[in-house]
Each structure stands twice: as C-alpha cells, then as structure tokens.
C-alpha atoms as a PDB file:
ATOM      1  CA  MET A   1     133.943  66.200 126.415  1.00  0.00           C
ATOM      2  CA  GLN A   2     132.923  67.348 122.949  1.00  0.00           C
ATOM      3  CA  ILE A   3     129.232  67.202 123.882  1.00  0.00           C
ATOM      4  CA  SER A   4     129.944  69.237 126.997  1.00  0.00           C
ATOM      5  CA  VAL A   5     131.690  71.934 124.957  1.00  0.00           C
ATOM      6  CA  ILE A   6     128.785  72.066 122.525  1.00  0.00           C
ATOM      7  CA  ASN A   7     126.346  72.460 125.403  1.00  0.00           C
ATOM      8  CA  VAL A   8     128.389  75.307 126.841  1.00  0.00           C
ATOM      9  CA  VAL A   9     128.560  77.073 123.477  1.00  0.00           C
ATOM     10  CA  THR A  10     124.824  76.595 122.975  1.00  0.00           C
ATOM     11  CA  ARG A  11     124.091  78.052 126.390  1.00  0.00           C
ATOM     12  CA  LEU A  12     126.309  81.052 125.674  1.00  0.00           C
ATOM     13  CA  MET A  13     124.542  81.668 122.361  1.00  0.00           C
ATOM     14  CA  ILE A  14     121.168  81.529 124.091  1.00  0.00           C
ATOM     15  CA  GLN A  15     122.352  83.978 126.722  1.00  0.00           C
ATOM     16  CA  MET A  16     123.595  86.352 124.017  1.00  0.00           C
ATOM     17  CA  THR A  17     120.270  86.344 122.137  1.00  0.00           C
ATOM     18  CA  LYS A  18     118.159  89.443 122.676  1.00  0.00           C
ATOM     19  CA  TYR A  19     114.370  89.389 122.504  1.00  0.00           C
ATOM     20  CA  LEU A  20     111.524  91.818 121.949  1.00  0.00           C
ATOM     21  CA  ILE A  21     108.050  90.681 123.038  1.00  0.00           C
ATOM     22  CA  PRO A  22     105.301  92.775 121.385  1.00  0.00           C
ATOM     23  CA  ILE A  23     101.843  92.476 122.984  1.00  0.00           C
ATOM     24  CA  VAL A  24      99.227  93.158 120.303  1.00  0.00           C
ATOM     25  CA  GLY A  25      95.488  92.928 119.840  1.00  0.00           C
ATOM     26  CA  PRO A  26      92.395  95.126 119.543  1.00  0.00           C
ATOM     27  CA  THR A  27      91.757  98.117 121.746  1.00  0.00           C
ATOM     28  CA  ALA A  28      90.393  97.478 125.268  1.00  0.00           C
ATOM     29  CA  ILE A  29      91.420  93.794 125.224  1.00  0.00           C
ATOM     30  CA  GLY A  30      93.825  93.974 128.198  1.00  0.00           C
ATOM     31  CA  LYS A  31      97.227  94.483 126.570  1.00  0.00           C
ATOM     32  CA  THR A  32      98.472  96.970 129.183  1.00  0.00           C
ATOM     33  CA  ALA A  33      97.795  94.670 132.139  1.00  0.00           C
ATOM     34  CA  LEU A  34      99.463  91.718 130.424  1.00  0.00           C
ATOM     35  CA  SER A  35     102.512  93.734 129.392  1.00  0.00           C
ATOM     36  CA  ILE A  36     103.066  94.844 132.981  1.00  0.00           C
ATOM     37  CA  LYS A  37     102.828  91.273 134.287  1.00  0.00           C
ATOM     38  CA  ILE A  38     105.340  90.081 131.694  1.00  0.00           C
ATOM     39  CA  ALA A  39     107.715  92.978 132.385  1.00  0.00           C
ATOM     40  CA  GLN A  40     107.573  92.321 136.117  1.00  0.00           C
ATOM     41  CA  ASN A  41     108.149  88.611 135.614  1.00  0.00           C
ATOM     42  CA  LEU A  42     111.157  89.252 133.362  1.00  0.00           C
ATOM     43  CA  ARG A  43     112.360  92.229 135.434  1.00  0.00           C
ATOM     44  CA  THR A  44     112.512  94.367 132.332  1.00  0.00           C
ATOM     45  CA  GLU A  45     111.011  97.527 130.778  1.00  0.00           C
ATOM     46  CA  ILE A  46     108.161  98.371 128.413  1.00  0.00           C
ATOM     47  CA  LEU A  47     108.101 100.359 125.173  1.00  0.00           C
ATOM     48  CA  SER A  48     104.719 101.718 124.118  1.00  0.00           C
ATOM     49  CA  ALA A  49     103.836 101.432 120.440  1.00  0.00           C
ATOM     50  CA  ASP A  50     100.450 103.124 120.829  1.00  0.00           C
ATOM     51  CA  SER A  51     100.731 106.176 118.593  1.00  0.00           C
ATOM     52  CA  ARG A  52      97.877 107.935 120.410  1.00  0.00           C
ATOM     53  CA  GLN A  53      99.508 107.626 123.825  1.00  0.00           C
ATOM     54  CA  PHE A  54     102.603 109.568 122.751  1.00  0.00           C
ATOM     55  CA  PHE A  55     100.907 112.911 123.408  1.00  0.00           C
ATOM     56  CA  LYS A  56     100.777 114.369 126.896  1.00  0.00           C
ATOM     57  CA  GLU A  57      97.584 116.378 126.331  1.00  0.00           C
ATOM     58  CA  MET A  58      95.672 113.212 125.385  1.00  0.00           C
ATOM     59  CA  HIS A  59      95.303 111.194 128.551  1.00  0.00           C
ATOM     60  CA  ILE A  60      91.716 110.060 129.017  1.00  0.00           C
ATOM     61  CA  GLY A  61      90.754 109.453 125.403  1.00  0.00           C
ATOM     62  CA  THR A  62      93.819 107.303 124.696  1.00  0.00           C
ATOM     63  CA  ALA A  63      93.537 105.105 127.816  1.00  0.00           C
ATOM     64  CA  VAL A  64      97.022 105.980 129.017  1.00  0.00           C
ATOM     65  CA  PRO A  65      98.092 103.575 131.805  1.00  0.00           C
ATOM     66  CA  GLU A  66      97.183 104.795 135.256  1.00  0.00           C
ATOM     67  CA  PRO A  67      99.948 106.145 137.559  1.00  0.00           C
ATOM     68  CA  GLU A  68     100.065 102.906 139.526  1.00  0.00           C
ATOM     69  CA  GLU A  69     100.464 100.947 136.278  1.00  0.00           C
ATOM     70  CA  LEU A  70     103.267 103.209 135.110  1.00  0.00           C
ATOM     71  CA  ALA A  71     104.921 102.759 138.482  1.00  0.00           C
ATOM     72  CA  ALA A  72     104.648  98.974 138.291  1.00  0.00           C
ATOM     73  CA  ALA A  73     107.119  98.812 135.393  1.00  0.00           C
ATOM     74  CA  THR A  74     109.284 101.389 133.629  1.00  0.00           C
ATOM     75  CA  HIS A  75     107.570 102.646 130.449  1.00  0.00           C
ATOM     76  CA  HIS A  76     108.975 104.483 127.442  1.00  0.00           C
ATOM     77  CA  PHE A  77     107.190 106.525 124.753  1.00  0.00           C
ATOM     78  CA  ILE A  78     104.248 107.442 126.952  1.00  0.00           C
ATOM     79  CA  GLN A  79     103.114 111.092 126.784  1.00  0.00           C
ATOM     80  CA  HIS A  80     106.559 112.306 125.771  1.00  0.00           C
ATOM     81  CA  LEU A  81     105.317 114.637 123.010  1.00  0.00           C
ATOM     82  CA  SER A  82     102.930 117.546 122.544  1.00  0.00           C
ATOM     83  CA  VAL A  83     100.004 117.444 120.121  1.00  0.00           C
ATOM     84  CA  ASP A  84     101.642 120.452 118.471  1.00  0.00           C
ATOM     85  CA  GLU A  85     104.516 118.242 117.290  1.00  0.00           C
ATOM     86  CA  ASP A  86     104.454 116.204 114.086  1.00  0.00           C
ATOM     87  CA  TYR A  87     105.637 112.694 114.853  1.00  0.00           C
ATOM     88  CA  SER A  88     105.489 110.002 112.208  1.00  0.00           C
ATOM     89  CA  VAL A  89     106.024 106.261 112.181  1.00  0.00           C
ATOM     90  CA  GLY A  90     109.443 106.999 110.696  1.00  0.00           C
ATOM     91  CA  HIS A  91     110.387 109.098 113.705  1.00  0.00           C
ATOM     92  CA  TYR A  92     109.153 106.369 116.006  1.00  0.00           C
ATOM     93  CA  GLU A  93     111.091 103.618 114.257  1.00  0.00           C
ATOM     94  CA  LYS A  94     114.380 105.488 114.689  1.00  0.00           C
ATOM     95  CA  ASP A  95     113.669 106.451 118.304  1.00  0.00           C
ATOM     96  CA  ALA A  96     112.466 102.979 119.268  1.00  0.00           C
ATOM     97  CA  ILE A  97     115.416 101.152 117.699  1.00  0.00           C
ATOM     98  CA  LYS A  98     117.783 103.525 119.481  1.00  0.00           C
ATOM     99  CA  LYS A  99     116.028 102.888 122.802  1.00  0.00           C
ATOM    100  CA  ILE A 100     115.914  99.106 122.242  1.00  0.00           C
ATOM    101  CA  THR A 101     119.633  99.030 121.457  1.00  0.00           C
ATOM    102  CA  GLN A 102     120.326 100.990 124.639  1.00  0.00           C
ATOM    103  CA  LEU A 103     118.089  98.840 126.863  1.00  0.00           C
ATOM    104  CA  HIS A 104     119.347  95.557 125.432  1.00  0.00           C
ATOM    105  CA  LYS A 105     122.716  96.350 126.996  1.00  0.00           C
ATOM    106  CA  LYS A 106     120.990  95.892 130.352  1.00  0.00           C
ATOM    107  CA  TYR A 107     118.158  93.444 129.588  1.00  0.00           C
ATOM    108  CA  ASP A 108     118.018  90.311 127.452  1.00  0.00           C
ATOM    109  CA  THR A 109     114.295  90.743 126.864  1.00  0.00           C
ATOM    110  CA  LEU A 110     112.108  93.822 126.404  1.00  0.00           C
ATOM    111  CA  VAL A 111     108.334  94.197 126.171  1.00  0.00           C
ATOM    112  CA  MET A 112     106.502  96.301 123.578  1.00  0.00           C
ATOM    113  CA  VAL A 113     102.794  97.014 123.793  1.00  0.00           C
ATOM    114  CA  GLY A 114     100.294  98.892 121.655  1.00  0.00           C
ATOM    115  CA  GLY A 115      97.462  98.726 119.202  1.00  0.00           C
ATOM    116  CA  SER A 116      99.223 100.616 116.400  1.00  0.00           C
ATOM    117  CA  GLY A 117     100.151  97.705 114.153  1.00  0.00           C
ATOM    118  CA  MET A 118     102.070  99.872 111.714  1.00  0.00           C
ATOM    119  CA  TYR A 119     104.324 101.161 114.489  1.00  0.00           C
ATOM    120  CA  VAL A 120     105.022  97.688 115.866  1.00  0.00           C
ATOM    121  CA  ASP A 121     105.743  96.435 112.352  1.00  0.00           C
ATOM    122  CA  ALA A 122     108.122  99.335 111.666  1.00  0.00           C
ATOM    123  CA  VAL A 123     110.232  98.408 114.681  1.00  0.00           C
ATOM    124  CA  ILE A 124     110.307  94.704 113.853  1.00  0.00           C
ATOM    125  CA  ASN A 125     110.657  94.838 110.083  1.00  0.00           C
ATOM    126  CA  GLY A 126     111.715  98.375 109.227  1.00  0.00           C
ATOM    127  CA  LEU A 127     109.957 100.822 106.959  1.00  0.00           C
ATOM    128  CA  ASP A 128     109.499 100.687 103.234  1.00  0.00           C
ATOM    129  CA  ASP A 129     111.605 102.927 101.032  1.00  0.00           C
ATOM    130  CA  PHE A 130     109.206 105.399  99.438  1.00  0.00           C
ATOM    131  CA  PRO A 131     110.016 107.933  96.715  1.00  0.00           C
ATOM    132  CA  PRO A 132     110.221 111.642  97.632  1.00  0.00           C
ATOM    133  CA  VAL A 133     107.034 113.701  97.705  1.00  0.00           C
ATOM    134  CA  LYS A 134     106.725 116.227  94.911  1.00  0.00           C
ATOM    135  CA  GLU A 135     106.633 119.877  95.881  1.00  0.00           C
ATOM    136  CA  GLY A 136     103.126 121.162  96.551  1.00  0.00           C
ATOM    137  CA  VAL A 137     101.456 117.752  96.878  1.00  0.00           C
ATOM    138  CA  ARG A 138     101.275 117.766 100.674  1.00  0.00           C
ATOM    139  CA  ALA A 139      99.885 121.292 100.793  1.00  0.00           C
ATOM    140  CA  ALA A 140      97.283 120.439  98.149  1.00  0.00           C
ATOM    141  CA  LEU A 141      96.092 117.380 100.096  1.00  0.00           C
ATOM    142  CA  LYS A 142      95.842 119.333 103.334  1.00  0.00           C
ATOM    143  CA  ASN A 143      93.829 121.956 101.495  1.00  0.00           C
ATOM    144  CA  ILE A 144      91.424 119.267 100.240  1.00  0.00           C
ATOM    145  CA  HIS A 145      91.030 118.046 103.797  1.00  0.00           C
ATOM    146  CA  GLU A 146      90.291 121.501 105.173  1.00  0.00           C
ATOM    147  CA  GLU A 147      87.803 122.386 102.433  1.00  0.00           C
ATOM    148  CA  GLN A 148      86.131 119.045 101.670  1.00  0.00           C
ATOM    149  CA  GLY A 149      86.875 116.852 104.655  1.00  0.00           C
ATOM    150  CA  ILE A 150      88.224 113.346 105.135  1.00  0.00           C
ATOM    151  CA  ASN A 151      85.610 111.835 102.790  1.00  0.00           C
ATOM    152  CA  ALA A 152      87.213 113.520  99.780  1.00  0.00           C
ATOM    153  CA  LEU A 153      90.617 112.097 100.714  1.00  0.00           C
ATOM    154  CA  GLN A 154      89.128 108.648 101.229  1.00  0.00           C
ATOM    155  CA  ALA A 155      87.526 108.727  97.782  1.00  0.00           C
ATOM    156  CA  LEU A 156      90.800 109.808  96.203  1.00  0.00           C
ATOM    157  CA  LEU A 157      92.717 107.008  97.950  1.00  0.00           C
ATOM    158  CA  LEU A 158      90.139 104.437  96.817  1.00  0.00           C
ATOM    159  CA  GLU A 159      90.686 105.637  93.255  1.00  0.00           C
ATOM    160  CA  LYS A 160      94.476 105.772  93.402  1.00  0.00           C
ATOM    161  CA  ASP A 161      95.248 102.742  95.574  1.00  0.00           C
ATOM    162  CA  PRO A 162      92.290 100.421  96.290  1.00  0.00           C
ATOM    163  CA  THR A 163      94.647  97.808  97.777  1.00  0.00           C
ATOM    164  CA  TYR A 164      95.907 100.074 100.539  1.00  0.00           C
ATOM    165  CA  TYR A 165      92.433 101.553 101.000  1.00  0.00           C
ATOM    166  CA  LYS A 166      91.274  98.132 102.229  1.00  0.00           C
ATOM    167  CA  GLU A 167      94.112  97.942 104.781  1.00  0.00           C
ATOM    168  CA  VAL A 168      94.487 101.424 106.232  1.00  0.00           C
ATOM    169  CA  ASP A 169      92.419 103.092 108.932  1.00  0.00           C
ATOM    170  CA  ILE A 170      90.613 105.350 106.468  1.00  0.00           C
ATOM    171  CA  TYR A 171      89.679 107.731 109.292  1.00  0.00           C
ATOM    172  CA  ASN A 172      93.322 108.311 110.158  1.00  0.00           C
ATOM    173  CA  THR A 173      93.921 111.492 108.190  1.00  0.00           C
ATOM    174  CA  GLN A 174      97.682 111.430 108.596  1.00  0.00           C
ATOM    175  CA  ARG A 175      98.010 107.942 107.112  1.00  0.00           C
ATOM    176  CA  VAL A 176      95.575 108.622 104.276  1.00  0.00           C
ATOM    177  CA  ILE A 177      97.434 111.790 103.319  1.00  0.00           C
ATOM    178  CA  ARG A 178     100.786 109.992 103.525  1.00  0.00           C
ATOM    179  CA  ALA A 179      99.587 107.301 101.117  1.00  0.00           C
ATOM    180  CA  LEU A 180      98.171 109.885  98.728  1.00  0.00           C
ATOM    181  CA  GLU A 181     101.442 111.833  98.800  1.00  0.00           C
ATOM    182  CA  VAL A 182     103.173 108.792  97.346  1.00  0.00           C
ATOM    183  CA  CYS A 183     100.370 107.961  94.914  1.00  0.00           C
ATOM    184  CA  LEU A 184     100.444 111.491  93.497  1.00  0.00           C
ATOM    185  CA  SER A 185     104.242 111.797  93.467  1.00  0.00           C
ATOM    186  CA  ALA A 186     105.311 108.461  92.000  1.00  0.00           C
ATOM    187  CA  SER A 187     104.467 106.260  89.044  1.00  0.00           C
ATOM    188  CA  GLU A 188     103.140 103.493  91.298  1.00  0.00           C
ATOM    189  CA  PRO A 189     100.566 103.411  94.133  1.00  0.00           C
ATOM    190  CA  PHE A 190     101.572 103.501  97.797  1.00  0.00           C
ATOM    191  CA  SER A 191     100.972  99.747  98.218  1.00  0.00           C
ATOM    192  CA  TYR A 192     103.545  98.968  95.505  1.00  0.00           C
ATOM    193  CA  TYR A 193     106.385 100.323  97.614  1.00  0.00           C
ATOM    194  CA  ARG A 194     105.548  98.180 100.590  1.00  0.00           C
ATOM    195  CA  ASN A 195     106.960  94.698 101.198  1.00  0.00           C
ATOM    196  CA  ARG A 196     110.438  95.648 100.014  1.00  0.00           C
ATOM    197  CA  PRO A 197     113.548  94.003 101.569  1.00  0.00           C
ATOM    198  CA  LYS A 198     113.788  95.102 105.200  1.00  0.00           C
ATOM    199  CA  PRO A 199     116.783  95.717 107.466  1.00  0.00           C
ATOM    200  CA  ARG A 200     117.967  92.960 109.760  1.00  0.00           C
ATOM    201  CA  ARG A 201     117.365  93.501 113.461  1.00  0.00           C
ATOM    202  CA  ASN A 202     119.705  92.456 116.253  1.00  0.00           C
ATOM    203  CA  PHE A 203     116.932  90.807 118.250  1.00  0.00           C
ATOM    204  CA  LYS A 204     114.387  88.026 117.941  1.00  0.00           C
ATOM    205  CA  THR A 205     110.681  88.712 118.251  1.00  0.00           C
ATOM    206  CA  ILE A 206     108.037  86.742 120.120  1.00  0.00           C
ATOM    207  CA  LYS A 207     104.627  88.222 119.341  1.00  0.00           C
ATOM    208  CA  ILE A 208     101.804  87.679 121.819  1.00  0.00           C
ATOM    209  CA  GLY A 209      98.270  88.452 120.665  1.00  0.00           C
ATOM    210  CA  LEU A 210      95.178  88.796 122.841  1.00  0.00           C
ATOM    211  CA  GLN A 211      91.762  88.126 121.359  1.00  0.00           C
ATOM    212  CA  ALA A 212      88.129  87.615 122.315  1.00  0.00           C
ATOM    213  CA  ASP A 213      84.807  86.897 120.635  1.00  0.00           C
ATOM    214  CA  ARG A 214      83.545  89.936 118.798  1.00  0.00           C
ATOM    215  CA  ALA A 215      80.575  90.421 121.141  1.00  0.00           C
ATOM    216  CA  ILE A 216      82.875  90.452 124.163  1.00  0.00           C
ATOM    217  CA  MET A 217      85.314  92.780 122.449  1.00  0.00           C
ATOM    218  CA  TYR A 218      82.543  95.229 121.578  1.00  0.00           C
ATOM    219  CA  GLU A 219      81.122  95.102 125.097  1.00  0.00           C
ATOM    220  CA  ARG A 220      84.546  95.933 126.547  1.00  0.00           C
ATOM    221  CA  ILE A 221      84.862  98.859 124.146  1.00  0.00           C
ATOM    222  CA  ASN A 222      81.445 100.263 125.104  1.00  0.00           C
ATOM    223  CA  LEU A 223      82.277 100.016 128.800  1.00  0.00           C
ATOM    224  CA  ARG A 224      85.630 101.723 128.269  1.00  0.00           C
ATOM    225  CA  VAL A 225      84.019 104.633 126.411  1.00  0.00           C
ATOM    226  CA  ASP A 226      81.455 105.072 129.208  1.00  0.00           C
ATOM    227  CA  LEU A 227      84.306 105.132 131.730  1.00  0.00           C
ATOM    228  CA  MET A 228      86.212 107.709 129.668  1.00  0.00           C
ATOM    229  CA  ILE A 229      83.184 109.991 129.626  1.00  0.00           C
ATOM    230  CA  LYS A 230      82.770 109.550 133.377  1.00  0.00           C
ATOM    231  CA  ASN A 231      86.444 110.369 133.921  1.00  0.00           C
ATOM    232  CA  GLY A 232      86.263 113.652 132.004  1.00  0.00           C
ATOM    233  CA  LEU A 233      86.840 112.996 128.302  1.00  0.00           C
ATOM    234  CA  VAL A 234      84.413 115.766 127.289  1.00  0.00           C
ATOM    235  CA  GLU A 235      86.347 118.295 129.356  1.00  0.00           C
ATOM    236  CA  GLU A 236      89.671 117.015 127.989  1.00  0.00           C
ATOM    237  CA  VAL A 237      88.491 117.472 124.411  1.00  0.00           C
ATOM    238  CA  GLU A 238      87.081 120.921 125.204  1.00  0.00           C
ATOM    239  CA  SER A 239      90.521 122.004 126.409  1.00  0.00           C
ATOM    240  CA  LEU A 240      91.929 121.067 123.002  1.00  0.00           C
ATOM    241  CA  LEU A 241      89.387 122.853 120.795  1.00  0.00           C
ATOM    242  CA  SER A 242      91.876 125.450 119.572  1.00  0.00           C
ATOM    243  CA  ARG A 243      94.143 122.651 118.288  1.00  0.00           C
ATOM    244  CA  LYS A 244      91.534 120.338 116.806  1.00  0.00           C
ATOM    245  CA  HIS A 245      93.126 120.410 113.347  1.00  0.00           C
ATOM    246  CA  ASN A 246      96.407 118.972 114.634  1.00  0.00           C
ATOM    247  CA  ASN A 247      97.133 115.541 113.182  1.00  0.00           C
ATOM    248  CA  ALA A 248      97.371 113.949 116.626  1.00  0.00           C
ATOM    249  CA  LEU A 249      93.803 114.980 117.450  1.00  0.00           C
ATOM    250  CA  ILE A 250      92.146 113.720 114.285  1.00  0.00           C
ATOM    251  CA  THR A 251      91.418 110.403 115.927  1.00  0.00           C
ATOM    252  CA  VAL A 252      88.625 108.373 117.477  1.00  0.00           C
ATOM    253  CA  GLY A 253      87.297 109.804 120.722  1.00  0.00           C
ATOM    254  CA  TYR A 254      88.313 113.347 119.885  1.00  0.00           C
ATOM    255  CA  ARG A 255      86.922 114.108 116.446  1.00  0.00           C
ATOM    256  CA  GLU A 256      83.436 112.953 117.486  1.00  0.00           C
ATOM    257  CA  LEU A 257      83.420 115.342 120.448  1.00  0.00           C
ATOM    258  CA  PHE A 258      84.786 118.149 118.299  1.00  0.00           C
ATOM    259  CA  GLU A 259      81.619 117.676 116.224  1.00  0.00           C
ATOM    260  CA  TYR A 260      79.585 118.040 119.412  1.00  0.00           C
ATOM    261  CA  PHE A 261      81.328 121.300 120.282  1.00  0.00           C
ATOM    262  CA  ASP A 262      80.811 122.465 116.690  1.00  0.00           C
ATOM    263  CA  GLY A 263      77.078 121.955 117.277  1.00  0.00           C
ATOM    264  CA  THR A 264      76.576 119.371 114.538  1.00  0.00           C
ATOM    265  CA  VAL A 265      75.587 116.501 116.870  1.00  0.00           C
ATOM    266  CA  THR A 266      74.222 116.083 120.384  1.00  0.00           C
ATOM    267  CA  LEU A 267      76.459 114.842 123.183  1.00  0.00           C
ATOM    268  CA  ASP A 268      74.614 111.514 123.304  1.00  0.00           C
ATOM    269  CA  ARG A 269      75.086 111.062 119.567  1.00  0.00           C
ATOM    270  CA  ALA A 270      78.766 111.968 119.832  1.00  0.00           C
ATOM    271  CA  ILE A 271      79.269 109.334 122.530  1.00  0.00           C
ATOM    272  CA  GLU A 272      77.499 106.697 120.447  1.00  0.00           C
ATOM    273  CA  ASN A 273      79.668 107.686 117.481  1.00  0.00           C
ATOM    274  CA  ILE A 274      82.786 107.161 119.604  1.00  0.00           C
ATOM    275  CA  LYS A 275      81.612 103.648 120.466  1.00  0.00           C
ATOM    276  CA  THR A 276      80.738 102.846 116.857  1.00  0.00           C
ATOM    277  CA  ASN A 277      83.997 104.183 115.456  1.00  0.00           C
ATOM    278  CA  THR A 278      86.057 102.471 118.161  1.00  0.00           C
ATOM    279  CA  ARG A 279      84.403  99.163 117.318  1.00  0.00           C
ATOM    280  CA  ARG A 280      85.216  99.747 113.659  1.00  0.00           C
ATOM    281  CA  PHE A 281      88.777 100.593 114.621  1.00  0.00           C
ATOM    282  CA  ALA A 282      89.085  97.347 116.595  1.00  0.00           C
ATOM    283  CA  LYS A 283      87.793  95.394 113.607  1.00  0.00           C
ATOM    284  CA  ARG A 284      90.433  97.007 111.373  1.00  0.00           C
ATOM    285  CA  GLN A 285      93.097  96.223 113.968  1.00  0.00           C
ATOM    286  CA  MET A 286      92.181  92.550 113.867  1.00  0.00           C
ATOM    287  CA  THR A 287      92.159  92.559 110.065  1.00  0.00           C
ATOM    288  CA  TRP A 288      95.720  93.903 110.183  1.00  0.00           C
ATOM    289  CA  TYR A 289      96.893  91.366 112.758  1.00  0.00           C
ATOM    290  CA  ARG A 290      95.203  88.366 111.152  1.00  0.00           C
ATOM    291  CA  ARG A 291      97.548  88.669 108.188  1.00  0.00           C
ATOM    292  CA  ASP A 292     100.517  88.121 110.478  1.00  0.00           C
ATOM    293  CA  THR A 293     101.058  84.386 110.910  1.00  0.00           C
ATOM    294  CA  THR A 294     103.878  84.942 113.432  1.00  0.00           C
ATOM    295  CA  ILE A 295     101.512  86.157 116.177  1.00  0.00           C
ATOM    296  CA  ASN A 296     100.902  83.659 118.971  1.00  0.00           C
ATOM    297  CA  TRP A 297      97.253  84.143 119.941  1.00  0.00           C
ATOM    298  CA  PHE A 298      95.783  83.717 123.425  1.00  0.00           C
ATOM    299  CA  ASP A 299      92.284  84.299 124.721  1.00  0.00           C
ATOM    300  CA  TYR A 300      92.148  87.483 126.766  1.00  0.00           C
ATOM    301  CA  GLN A 301      91.240  85.445 129.865  1.00  0.00           C
ATOM    302  CA  THR A 302      94.155  83.009 129.538  1.00  0.00           C
ATOM    303  CA  ASP A 303      95.875  82.353 132.856  1.00  0.00           C
ATOM    304  CA  PHE A 304      99.113  84.317 133.060  1.00  0.00           C
ATOM    305  CA  ASP A 305     101.122  81.236 134.022  1.00  0.00           C
ATOM    306  CA  GLU A 306     100.293  79.714 130.630  1.00  0.00           C
ATOM    307  CA  ILE A 307     101.580  82.767 128.779  1.00  0.00           C
ATOM    308  CA  LYS A 308     104.625  82.942 131.044  1.00  0.00           C
ATOM    309  CA  SER A 309     105.469  79.297 130.350  1.00  0.00           C
ATOM    310  CA  PHE A 310     105.119  79.894 126.613  1.00  0.00           C
ATOM    311  CA  ILE A 311     107.531  82.850 126.741  1.00  0.00           C
ATOM    312  CA  ASN A 312     110.000  80.951 128.928  1.00  0.00           C
ATOM    313  CA  GLU A 313     110.005  78.080 126.439  1.00  0.00           C
ATOM    314  CA  LYS A 314     110.555  80.411 123.488  1.00  0.00           C
ATOM    315  CA  THR A 315     113.387  82.307 125.164  1.00  0.00           C
ATOM    316  CA  HIS A 316     114.931  79.146 126.650  1.00  0.00           C
ATOM    317  CA  ARG A 317     114.776  80.604 130.108  1.00  0.00           C
ATOM    318  CA  LEU A 318     115.406  78.026 132.861  1.00  0.00           C
END
C-alpha cells in the first residue's frame, strides 16, 4: 500500500511539473520546422525568441515563418512590434515570463524557438543586475556611432571589455552600445556583472539544439539568402530607407543593402556581404551555444521520432 501511495504522489508531482522546450541552433538550420512538429505533437504553443522577428516591417530578411507555418501552431512574439519601437532583452524577459506563466495554466509544456541566445538565456536564467547608466553616456555613444560608425564602438569595447568583445555579436550595435554604457558608467567592465545569482523559474527546461557540419550550414545560409533576394528583400529594405538608423534595422541582411542604396557597393557585392556576414553570425551563434552544456544536440536531419522519444522520456510522458 505504501508503494502504491508513493507512486501516486510521484505521478501527481510529474503532472504538476511545467516545462519549456527551447529549440536553438544556428540560423537556417531548421529550427522553425522542428518547433512546429514538437508543438503539434504536444498540442501546445510556441514562443519566438528571435529578436529580429519581433518587427512587423521586417518579414523577408528575418525569415519569419510562412502563413501556413504560423497557422500550424499558435505563435507568440512574431511581428508584434514596429521598428520604430525600442525593445530590449529586458523587455522581452518580462513579457515572455508573463506569457509563459499565463500559458502554463493551460499547457504543461511550451516550445520556444529562436537564434537569439541572449534572449533565450534571459527567459531561462534571468538577466544580470547592472548598475545605472550615467547621464550623457548613451547619447555620447550614439553620437560616436553616427559620426564614426560601428568600427569605433567595436574598438572601444575591445579596449574596455575584451572578454565580452569575444562573446558578443560585434555587429549588433544595440548590444555593443549597451555593454559600453556599463563599462563607461561603472567601475567594472560589462562582463563582470554577468553570471550573478539568477531568479528561480517555475518550470524545467529541456534544450534541443540542431547542428550540422560547417560546410552544410554555410550552404544552407547561401541558399536562404538567394531565396530572400528572389522573394523581394531588396524591395523590403528600400521601403525602410528612411528608418535605417533604427536599432532594429542595424542587422545582417539590412545594413548591407542600405550600403547598396547609399551607393557604396554594388548589388552583387551587397548580396555577397549578406552571405558572408550571415555565416559569421552563425559561427558566433554556435560559439555562444557551445558553452552551454545543458543543450541536447541533434543532427539537423535526425528523424523526428527520435527527438520526440527523447522529449517524452525527459518529461515522463506516457
């Protein structure tokens, strides 16, 4: 009888446990397709953690899921903002935790998908507690960017915080400026304030990572860029020329075509630059993820049944 009671209690505890399944990996590896299959199998919903897909004016260049993909499973945080809005990882953490708490009342398991490792990490582990930014620092850094470009900010970050310089996407102006704000406002570099004690979450996490050989990954990226151009990326970027200095648009796929419209490069060169910079971005993504020993890696061609069985085992689903 005692064993029976223990089994019942154990089953109840398992049923009460809530899960978040983040699907991570480099760009163009197949995360969207896998997330939809998992969500359909679990009869649950998906939260996007792709910081570039938040903006409704950026559709082609961010590889937003197609209408039929969005219809296949309910998605959240897809094209819900305008590029005119400032939206940080801190905003996302609060919004995502609120949405997860709400959805966990209906579902035991939720799916998260996206290539923005910092955003996924913020939801799982919380954000670091940084000191306040001194008055005038942000304006001064933005002025440096406007007058001298991203290279000047990169050089300053390398000087002030070489540790974080090796980790961050140094072409992401918003993140570089954020790090420099802390470096110039506090007595310690930005990297010092990371890895502080984090808040406890009311869910368990099962991270699924997709990977491929570098040559395959790069080939998939090149094909995706060609498809984006075919689908109208040049026209999409042209429609955003008047807002090209917005933080959301200082990103791969857009800044290279802004250079084309500025007359500094040819269209062919701009397209090649998109491919090159996307490959570099994918490499940085993998560098970020490789540090995380909690990710369960699968080859991008792994049969879905294998991944499904792995998730079922981890969540004790029968």
